[in-house]
Amino acid sequence: MTSEFEQFTNLEHKLYQIIELFKANKSQKESLEKDVESYKAKINQLSIENDQLKSQIDGFNKEHKVIKEKVESMLSNLERLQF
């Protein structure tokens, strides 16, 4: 009789261990899901910043081109004045 009771007690203990493992896994899963959402938000923000920086670079490139053309024009005018 004691053996059956011990078996039942062991089974009960194992079930409690399984329950605790499920609780821990659920908690870890929820934590990981929050991390994933946080990383998605960060990726989205970085993508927006990346787009803004690309636009800024395009603007700088256009400015550079305009300035380069003006300098070339001024140099050309100076060359004509010297001859």
PDB file of N, CA and C in Angstrom:
ATOM      1  N   MET A   1       0.824  -1.197   0.000  1.00  0.00           N
ATOM      2  CA  MET A   1       0.000   0.000   0.000  1.00  0.00           C
ATOM      3  C   MET A   1       0.864   1.255   0.000  1.00  0.00           C
ATOM      4  N   THR A   2       1.909   1.239   0.769  1.00  0.00           N
ATOM      5  CA  THR A   2       2.802   2.379   0.848  1.00  0.00           C
ATOM      6  C   THR A   2       3.458   2.637  -0.497  1.00  0.00           C
ATOM      7  N   SER A   3       3.771   1.599  -1.197  1.00  0.00           N
ATOM      8  CA  SER A   3       4.406   1.730  -2.494  1.00  0.00           C
ATOM      9  C   SER A   3       3.499   2.485  -3.463  1.00  0.00           C
ATOM     10  N   GLU A   4       2.220   2.158  -3.461  1.00  0.00           N
ATOM     11  CA  GLU A   4       1.269   2.850  -4.341  1.00  0.00           C
ATOM     12  C   GLU A   4       1.131   4.312  -3.945  1.00  0.00           C
ATOM     13  N   PHE A   5       1.120   4.562  -2.640  1.00  0.00           N
ATOM     14  CA  PHE A   5       1.032   5.933  -2.162  1.00  0.00           C
ATOM     15  C   PHE A   5       2.286   6.707  -2.563  1.00  0.00           C
ATOM     16  N   GLU A   6       3.442   6.089  -2.442  1.00  0.00           N
ATOM     17  CA  GLU A   6       4.691   6.718  -2.835  1.00  0.00           C
ATOM     18  C   GLU A   6       4.700   7.017  -4.345  1.00  0.00           C
ATOM     19  N   GLN A   7       4.181   6.078  -5.118  1.00  0.00           N
ATOM     20  CA  GLN A   7       4.102   6.284  -6.559  1.00  0.00           C
ATOM     21  C   GLN A   7       3.191   7.465  -6.885  1.00  0.00           C
ATOM     22  N   PHE A   8       2.069   7.513  -6.183  1.00  0.00           N
ATOM     23  CA  PHE A   8       1.147   8.619  -6.390  1.00  0.00           C
ATOM     24  C   PHE A   8       1.806   9.942  -6.000  1.00  0.00           C
ATOM     25  N   THR A   9       2.496   9.950  -4.876  1.00  0.00           N
ATOM     26  CA  THR A   9       3.183  11.158  -4.402  1.00  0.00           C
ATOM     27  C   THR A   9       4.264  11.575  -5.397  1.00  0.00           C
ATOM     28  N   ASN A  10       5.005  10.603  -5.927  1.00  0.00           N
ATOM     29  CA  ASN A  10       6.021  10.909  -6.939  1.00  0.00           C
ATOM     30  C   ASN A  10       5.379  11.494  -8.197  1.00  0.00           C
ATOM     31  N   LEU A  11       4.268  10.902  -8.610  1.00  0.00           N
ATOM     32  CA  LEU A  11       3.558  11.400  -9.779  1.00  0.00           C
ATOM     33  C   LEU A  11       3.067  12.822  -9.544  1.00  0.00           C
ATOM     34  N   GLU A  12       2.518  13.043  -8.370  1.00  0.00           N
ATOM     35  CA  GLU A  12       2.035  14.379  -8.019  1.00  0.00           C
ATOM     36  C   GLU A  12       3.194  15.385  -8.043  1.00  0.00           C
ATOM     37  N   HIS A  13       4.326  15.006  -7.499  1.00  0.00           N
ATOM     38  CA  HIS A  13       5.511  15.871  -7.492  1.00  0.00           C
ATOM     39  C   HIS A  13       5.953  16.187  -8.922  1.00  0.00           C
ATOM     40  N   LYS A  14       5.970  15.179  -9.768  1.00  0.00           N
ATOM     41  CA  LYS A  14       6.362  15.380 -11.167  1.00  0.00           C
ATOM     42  C   LYS A  14       5.390  16.305 -11.889  1.00  0.00           C
ATOM     43  N   LEU A  15       4.103  16.153 -11.590  1.00  0.00           N
ATOM     44  CA  LEU A  15       3.109  17.034 -12.207  1.00  0.00           C
ATOM     45  C   LEU A  15       3.328  18.482 -11.783  1.00  0.00           C
ATOM     46  N   TYR A  16       3.631  18.701 -10.513  1.00  0.00           N
ATOM     47  CA  TYR A  16       3.906  20.053 -10.040  1.00  0.00           C
ATOM     48  C   TYR A  16       5.166  20.616 -10.719  1.00  0.00           C
ATOM     49  N   GLN A  17       6.159  19.778 -10.912  1.00  0.00           N
ATOM     50  CA  GLN A  17       7.362  20.218 -11.611  1.00  0.00           C
ATOM     51  C   GLN A  17       7.030  20.617 -13.053  1.00  0.00           C
ATOM     52  N   ILE A  18       6.196  19.817 -13.704  1.00  0.00           N
ATOM     53  CA  ILE A  18       5.791  20.127 -15.080  1.00  0.00           C
ATOM     54  C   ILE A  18       5.018  21.437 -15.119  1.00  0.00           C
ATOM     55  N   ILE A  19       4.138  21.631 -14.165  1.00  0.00           N
ATOM     56  CA  ILE A  19       3.365  22.881 -14.095  1.00  0.00           C
ATOM     57  C   ILE A  19       4.304  24.072 -13.932  1.00  0.00           C
ATOM     58  N   GLU A  20       5.287  23.934 -13.062  1.00  0.00           N
ATOM     59  CA  GLU A  20       6.244  25.022 -12.843  1.00  0.00           C
ATOM     60  C   GLU A  20       7.060  25.289 -14.111  1.00  0.00           C
ATOM     61  N   LEU A  21       7.423  24.225 -14.821  1.00  0.00           N
ATOM     62  CA  LEU A  21       8.149  24.399 -16.083  1.00  0.00           C
ATOM     63  C   LEU A  21       7.290  25.143 -17.108  1.00  0.00           C
ATOM     64  N   PHE A  22       6.008  24.776 -17.188  1.00  0.00           N
ATOM     65  CA  PHE A  22       5.106  25.469 -18.112  1.00  0.00           C
ATOM     66  C   PHE A  22       4.975  26.938 -17.736  1.00  0.00           C
ATOM     67  N   LYS A  23       4.881  27.223 -16.441  1.00  0.00           N
ATOM     68  CA  LYS A  23       4.793  28.618 -16.003  1.00  0.00           C
ATOM     69  C   LYS A  23       6.048  29.385 -16.394  1.00  0.00           C
ATOM     70  N   ALA A  24       7.204  28.769 -16.173  1.00  0.00           N
ATOM     71  CA  ALA A  24       8.473  29.418 -16.517  1.00  0.00           C
ATOM     72  C   ALA A  24       8.562  29.644 -18.022  1.00  0.00           C
ATOM     73  N   ASN A  25       8.160  28.634 -18.796  1.00  0.00           N
ATOM     74  CA  ASN A  25       8.188  28.768 -20.256  1.00  0.00           C
ATOM     75  C   ASN A  25       7.247  29.864 -20.729  1.00  0.00           C
ATOM     76  N   LYS A  26       6.077  29.929 -20.115  1.00  0.00           N
ATOM     77  CA  LYS A  26       5.112  30.962 -20.490  1.00  0.00           C
ATOM     78  C   LYS A  26       5.673  32.345 -20.189  1.00  0.00           C
ATOM     79  N   SER A  27       6.297  32.475 -19.035  1.00  0.00           N
ATOM     80  CA  SER A  27       6.895  33.751 -18.655  1.00  0.00           C
ATOM     81  C   SER A  27       8.018  34.132 -19.617  1.00  0.00           C
ATOM     82  N   GLN A  28       8.859  33.169 -19.968  1.00  0.00           N
ATOM     83  CA  GLN A  28       9.944  33.425 -20.916  1.00  0.00           C
ATOM     84  C   GLN A  28       9.379  33.808 -22.287  1.00  0.00           C
ATOM     85  N   LYS A  29       8.339  33.108 -22.705  1.00  0.00           N
ATOM     86  CA  LYS A  29       7.724  33.402 -23.999  1.00  0.00           C
ATOM     87  C   LYS A  29       7.190  34.830 -24.018  1.00  0.00           C
ATOM     88  N   GLU A  30       6.495  35.230 -22.968  1.00  0.00           N
ATOM     89  CA  GLU A  30       5.952  36.582 -22.894  1.00  0.00           C
ATOM     90  C   GLU A  30       7.066  37.627 -22.908  1.00  0.00           C
ATOM     91  N   SER A  31       8.137  37.331 -22.185  1.00  0.00           N
ATOM     92  CA  SER A  31       9.278  38.239 -22.164  1.00  0.00           C
ATOM     93  C   SER A  31       9.908  38.357 -23.550  1.00  0.00           C
ATOM     94  N   LEU A  32      10.064  37.233 -24.222  1.00  0.00           N
ATOM     95  CA  LEU A  32      10.636  37.241 -25.571  1.00  0.00           C
ATOM     96  C   LEU A  32       9.727  37.960 -26.561  1.00  0.00           C
ATOM     97  N   GLU A  33       8.420  37.788 -26.409  1.00  0.00           N
ATOM     98  CA  GLU A  33       7.480  38.488 -27.291  1.00  0.00           C
ATOM     99  C   GLU A  33       7.581  40.000 -27.096  1.00  0.00           C
ATOM    100  N   LYS A  34       7.757  40.433 -25.836  1.00  0.00           N
ATOM    101  CA  LYS A  34       7.939  41.865 -25.575  1.00  0.00           C
ATOM    102  C   LYS A  34       9.235  42.350 -26.208  1.00  0.00           C
ATOM    103  N   ASP A  35      10.286  41.537 -26.080  1.00  0.00           N
ATOM    104  CA  ASP A  35      11.566  41.899 -26.702  1.00  0.00           C
ATOM    105  C   ASP A  35      11.413  42.025 -28.212  1.00  0.00           C
ATOM    106  N   VAL A  36      10.716  41.093 -28.815  1.00  0.00           N
ATOM    107  CA  VAL A  36      10.513  41.124 -30.267  1.00  0.00           C
ATOM    108  C   VAL A  36       9.784  42.405 -30.662  1.00  0.00           C
ATOM    109  N   GLU A  37       8.740  42.755 -29.944  1.00  0.00           N
ATOM    110  CA  GLU A  37       7.996  43.980 -30.244  1.00  0.00           C
ATOM    111  C   GLU A  37       8.893  45.207 -30.085  1.00  0.00           C
ATOM    112  N   SER A  38       9.712  45.196 -29.039  1.00  0.00           N
ATOM    113  CA  SER A  38      10.630  46.305 -28.822  1.00  0.00           C
ATOM    114  C   SER A  38      11.629  46.411 -29.970  1.00  0.00           C
ATOM    115  N   TYR A  39      12.175  45.278 -30.394  1.00  0.00           N
ATOM    116  CA  TYR A  39      13.127  45.288 -31.511  1.00  0.00           C
ATOM    117  C   TYR A  39      12.462  45.707 -32.816  1.00  0.00           C
ATOM    118  N   LYS A  40      11.219  45.299 -33.022  1.00  0.00           N
ATOM    119  CA  LYS A  40      10.501  45.728 -34.224  1.00  0.00           C
ATOM    120  C   LYS A  40      10.328  47.243 -34.230  1.00  0.00           C
ATOM    121  N   ALA A  41       9.995  47.799 -33.070  1.00  0.00           N
ATOM    122  CA  ALA A  41       9.834  49.253 -32.967  1.00  0.00           C
ATOM    123  C   ALA A  41      11.163  49.955 -33.231  1.00  0.00           C
ATOM    124  N   LYS A  42      12.257  49.395 -32.689  1.00  0.00           N
ATOM    125  CA  LYS A  42      13.574  49.985 -32.913  1.00  0.00           C
ATOM    126  C   LYS A  42      13.957  49.908 -34.390  1.00  0.00           C
ATOM    127  N   ILE A  43      13.685  48.782 -35.014  1.00  0.00           N
ATOM    128  CA  ILE A  43      13.984  48.617 -36.439  1.00  0.00           C
ATOM    129  C   ILE A  43      13.195  49.634 -37.253  1.00  0.00           C
ATOM    130  N   ASN A  44      11.927  49.803 -36.910  1.00  0.00           N
ATOM    131  CA  ASN A  44      11.088  50.779 -37.613  1.00  0.00           C
ATOM    132  C   ASN A  44      11.651  52.188 -37.449  1.00  0.00           C
ATOM    133  N   GLN A  45      12.047  52.533 -36.226  1.00  0.00           N
ATOM    134  CA  GLN A  45      12.612  53.856 -35.974  1.00  0.00           C
ATOM    135  C   GLN A  45      13.911  54.043 -36.740  1.00  0.00           C
ATOM    136  N   LEU A  46      14.765  53.022 -36.743  1.00  0.00           N
ATOM    137  CA  LEU A  46      16.029  53.113 -37.479  1.00  0.00           C
ATOM    138  C   LEU A  46      15.794  53.216 -38.983  1.00  0.00           C
ATOM    139  N   SER A  47      14.767  52.557 -39.460  1.00  0.00           N
ATOM    140  CA  SER A  47      14.431  52.650 -40.880  1.00  0.00           C
ATOM    141  C   SER A  47      14.005  54.069 -41.238  1.00  0.00           C
ATOM    142  N   ILE A  48      13.212  54.670 -40.377  1.00  0.00           N
ATOM    143  CA  ILE A  48      12.780  56.053 -40.591  1.00  0.00           C
ATOM    144  C   ILE A  48      13.997  56.985 -40.577  1.00  0.00           C
ATOM    145  N   GLU A  49      14.873  56.781 -39.591  1.00  0.00           N
ATOM    146  CA  GLU A  49      16.075  57.610 -39.512  1.00  0.00           C
ATOM    147  C   GLU A  49      16.952  57.398 -40.741  1.00  0.00           C
ATOM    148  N   ASN A  50      17.055  56.170 -41.201  1.00  0.00           N
ATOM    149  CA  ASN A  50      17.841  55.857 -42.390  1.00  0.00           C
ATOM    150  C   ASN A  50      17.291  56.594 -43.604  1.00  0.00           C
ATOM    151  N   ASP A  51      15.969  56.578 -43.761  1.00  0.00           N
ATOM    152  CA  ASP A  51      15.342  57.296 -44.877  1.00  0.00           C
ATOM    153  C   ASP A  51      15.618  58.797 -44.794  1.00  0.00           C
ATOM    154  N   GLN A  52      15.554  59.334 -43.573  1.00  0.00           N
ATOM    155  CA  GLN A  52      15.827  60.762 -43.388  1.00  0.00           C
ATOM    156  C   GLN A  52      17.275  61.088 -43.747  1.00  0.00           C
ATOM    157  N   LEU A  53      18.188  60.215 -43.323  1.00  0.00           N
ATOM    158  CA  LEU A  53      19.601  60.449 -43.631  1.00  0.00           C
ATOM    159  C   LEU A  53      19.865  60.336 -45.128  1.00  0.00           C
ATOM    160  N   LYS A  54      19.191  59.394 -45.789  1.00  0.00           N
ATOM    161  CA  LYS A  54      19.341  59.281 -47.243  1.00  0.00           C
ATOM    162  C   LYS A  54      18.863  60.552 -47.926  1.00  0.00           C
ATOM    163  N   SER A  55      17.743  61.100 -47.461  1.00  0.00           N
ATOM    164  CA  SER A  55      17.226  62.355 -48.028  1.00  0.00           C
ATOM    165  C   SER A  55      18.213  63.487 -47.796  1.00  0.00           C
ATOM    166  N   GLN A  56      18.800  63.520 -46.605  1.00  0.00           N
ATOM    167  CA  GLN A  56      19.782  64.553 -46.288  1.00  0.00           C
ATOM    168  C   GLN A  56      20.998  64.425 -47.203  1.00  0.00           C
ATOM    169  N   ILE A  57      21.458  63.208 -47.406  1.00  0.00           N
ATOM    170  CA  ILE A  57      22.602  62.969 -48.292  1.00  0.00           C
ATOM    171  C   ILE A  57      22.273  63.408 -49.710  1.00  0.00           C
ATOM    172  N   ASP A  58      21.071  63.080 -50.165  1.00  0.00           N
ATOM    173  CA  ASP A  58      20.652  63.533 -51.505  1.00  0.00           C
ATOM    174  C   ASP A  58      20.689  65.054 -51.593  1.00  0.00           C
ATOM    175  N   GLY A  59      20.207  65.712 -50.545  1.00  0.00           N
ATOM    176  CA  GLY A  59      20.236  67.180 -50.513  1.00  0.00           C
ATOM    177  C   GLY A  59      21.660  67.709 -50.543  1.00  0.00           C
ATOM    178  N   PHE A  60      22.541  67.085 -49.768  1.00  0.00           N
ATOM    179  CA  PHE A  60      23.944  67.505 -49.762  1.00  0.00           C
ATOM    180  C   PHE A  60      24.584  67.288 -51.132  1.00  0.00           C
ATOM    181  N   ASN A  61      24.265  66.183 -51.762  1.00  0.00           N
ATOM    182  CA  ASN A  61      24.815  65.912 -53.098  1.00  0.00           C
ATOM    183  C   ASN A  61      24.345  66.951 -54.111  1.00  0.00           C
ATOM    184  N   LYS A  62      23.077  67.346 -54.016  1.00  0.00           N
ATOM    185  CA  LYS A  62      22.560  68.379 -54.923  1.00  0.00           C
ATOM    186  C   LYS A  62      23.251  69.716 -54.665  1.00  0.00           C
ATOM    187  N   GLU A  63      23.417  70.046 -53.369  1.00  0.00           N
ATOM    188  CA  GLU A  63      24.116  71.284 -53.021  1.00  0.00           C
ATOM    189  C   GLU A  63      25.545  71.249 -53.546  1.00  0.00           C
ATOM    190  N   HIS A  64      26.198  70.111 -53.368  1.00  0.00           N
ATOM    191  CA  HIS A  64      27.572  69.949 -53.830  1.00  0.00           C
ATOM    192  C   HIS A  64      27.663  70.176 -55.337  1.00  0.00           C
ATOM    193  N   LYS A  65      26.714  69.607 -56.041  1.00  0.00           N
ATOM    194  CA  LYS A  65      26.714  69.760 -57.501  1.00  0.00           C
ATOM    195  C   LYS A  65      26.541  71.219 -57.894  1.00  0.00           C
ATOM    196  N   VAL A  66      25.611  71.913 -57.237  1.00  0.00           N
ATOM    197  CA  VAL A  66      25.363  73.324 -57.542  1.00  0.00           C
ATOM    198  C   VAL A  66      26.605  74.150 -57.233  1.00  0.00           C
ATOM    199  N   ILE A  67      27.210  73.917 -56.074  1.00  0.00           N
ATOM    200  CA  ILE A  67      28.407  74.673 -55.685  1.00  0.00           C
ATOM    201  C   ILE A  67      29.545  74.383 -56.653  1.00  0.00           C
ATOM    202  N   LYS A  68      29.703  73.135 -57.020  1.00  0.00           N
ATOM    203  CA  LYS A  68      30.757  72.749 -57.960  1.00  0.00           C
ATOM    204  C   LYS A  68      30.570  73.474 -59.294  1.00  0.00           C
ATOM    205  N   GLU A  69      29.332  73.507 -59.776  1.00  0.00           N
ATOM    206  CA  GLU A  69      29.056  74.194 -61.045  1.00  0.00           C
ATOM    207  C   GLU A  69      29.354  75.686 -60.937  1.00  0.00           C
ATOM    208  N   LYS A  70      29.007  76.297 -59.807  1.00  0.00           N
ATOM    209  CA  LYS A  70      29.275  77.725 -59.613  1.00  0.00           C
ATOM    210  C   LYS A  70      30.774  78.000 -59.571  1.00  0.00           C
ATOM    211  N   VAL A  71      31.512  77.147 -58.846  1.00  0.00           N
ATOM    212  CA  VAL A  71      32.962  77.327 -58.756  1.00  0.00           C
ATOM    213  C   VAL A  71      33.596  77.147 -60.130  1.00  0.00           C
ATOM    214  N   GLU A  72      33.161  76.132 -60.857  1.00  0.00           N
ATOM    215  CA  GLU A  72      33.691  75.923 -62.204  1.00  0.00           C
ATOM    216  C   GLU A  72      33.388  77.118 -63.104  1.00  0.00           C
ATOM    217  N   SER A  73      32.199  77.659 -62.954  1.00  0.00           N
ATOM    218  CA  SER A  73      31.810  78.834 -63.745  1.00  0.00           C
ATOM    219  C   SER A  73      32.686  80.032 -63.377  1.00  0.00           C
ATOM    220  N   MET A  74      32.914  80.241 -62.085  1.00  0.00           N
ATOM    221  CA  MET A  74      33.761  81.354 -61.650  1.00  0.00           C
ATOM    222  C   MET A  74      35.190  81.166 -62.158  1.00  0.00           C
ATOM    223  N   LEU A  75      35.704  79.940 -62.081  1.00  0.00           N
ATOM    224  CA  LEU A  75      37.062  79.679 -62.576  1.00  0.00           C
ATOM    225  C   LEU A  75      37.145  79.921 -64.076  1.00  0.00           C
ATOM    226  N   SER A  76      36.125  79.521 -64.764  1.00  0.00           N
ATOM    227  CA  SER A  76      36.080  79.746 -66.210  1.00  0.00           C
ATOM    228  C   SER A  76      36.070  81.246 -66.516  1.00  0.00           C
ATOM    229  N   ASN A  77      35.275  81.992 -65.774  1.00  0.00           N
ATOM    230  CA  ASN A  77      35.220  83.447 -65.955  1.00  0.00           C
ATOM    231  C   ASN A  77      36.567  84.091 -65.647  1.00  0.00           C
ATOM    232  N   LEU A  78      37.237  83.616 -64.600  1.00  0.00           N
ATOM    233  CA  LEU A  78      38.556  84.145 -64.245  1.00  0.00           C
ATOM    234  C   LEU A  78      39.570  83.855 -65.352  1.00  0.00           C
ATOM    235  N   GLU A  79      39.503  82.670 -65.910  1.00  0.00           N
ATOM    236  CA  GLU A  79      40.421  82.307 -66.997  1.00  0.00           C
ATOM    237  C   GLU A  79      40.210  83.229 -68.205  1.00  0.00           C
ATOM    238  N   ARG A  80      38.964  83.516 -68.510  1.00  0.00           N
ATOM    239  CA  ARG A  80      38.676  84.390 -69.655  1.00  0.00           C
ATOM    240  C   ARG A  80      39.158  85.805 -69.401  1.00  0.00           C
ATOM    241  N   LEU A  81      39.092  86.234 -68.166  1.00  0.00           N
ATOM    242  CA  LEU A  81      39.550  87.601 -67.820  1.00  0.00           C
ATOM    243  C   LEU A  81      41.068  87.719 -67.942  1.00  0.00           C
ATOM    244  N   GLN A  82      41.786  86.654 -67.725  1.00  0.00           N
ATOM    245  CA  GLN A  82      43.253  86.708 -67.767  1.00  0.00           C
ATOM    246  C   GLN A  82      43.774  86.751 -69.187  1.00  0.00           C
ATOM    247  N   PHE A  83      43.004  86.299 -70.134  1.00  0.00           N
ATOM    248  CA  PHE A  83      43.501  86.275 -71.520  1.00  0.00           C
ATOM    249  C   PHE A  83      43.081  87.460 -72.253  1.00  0.00           C
TER     250      PHE A  83
END
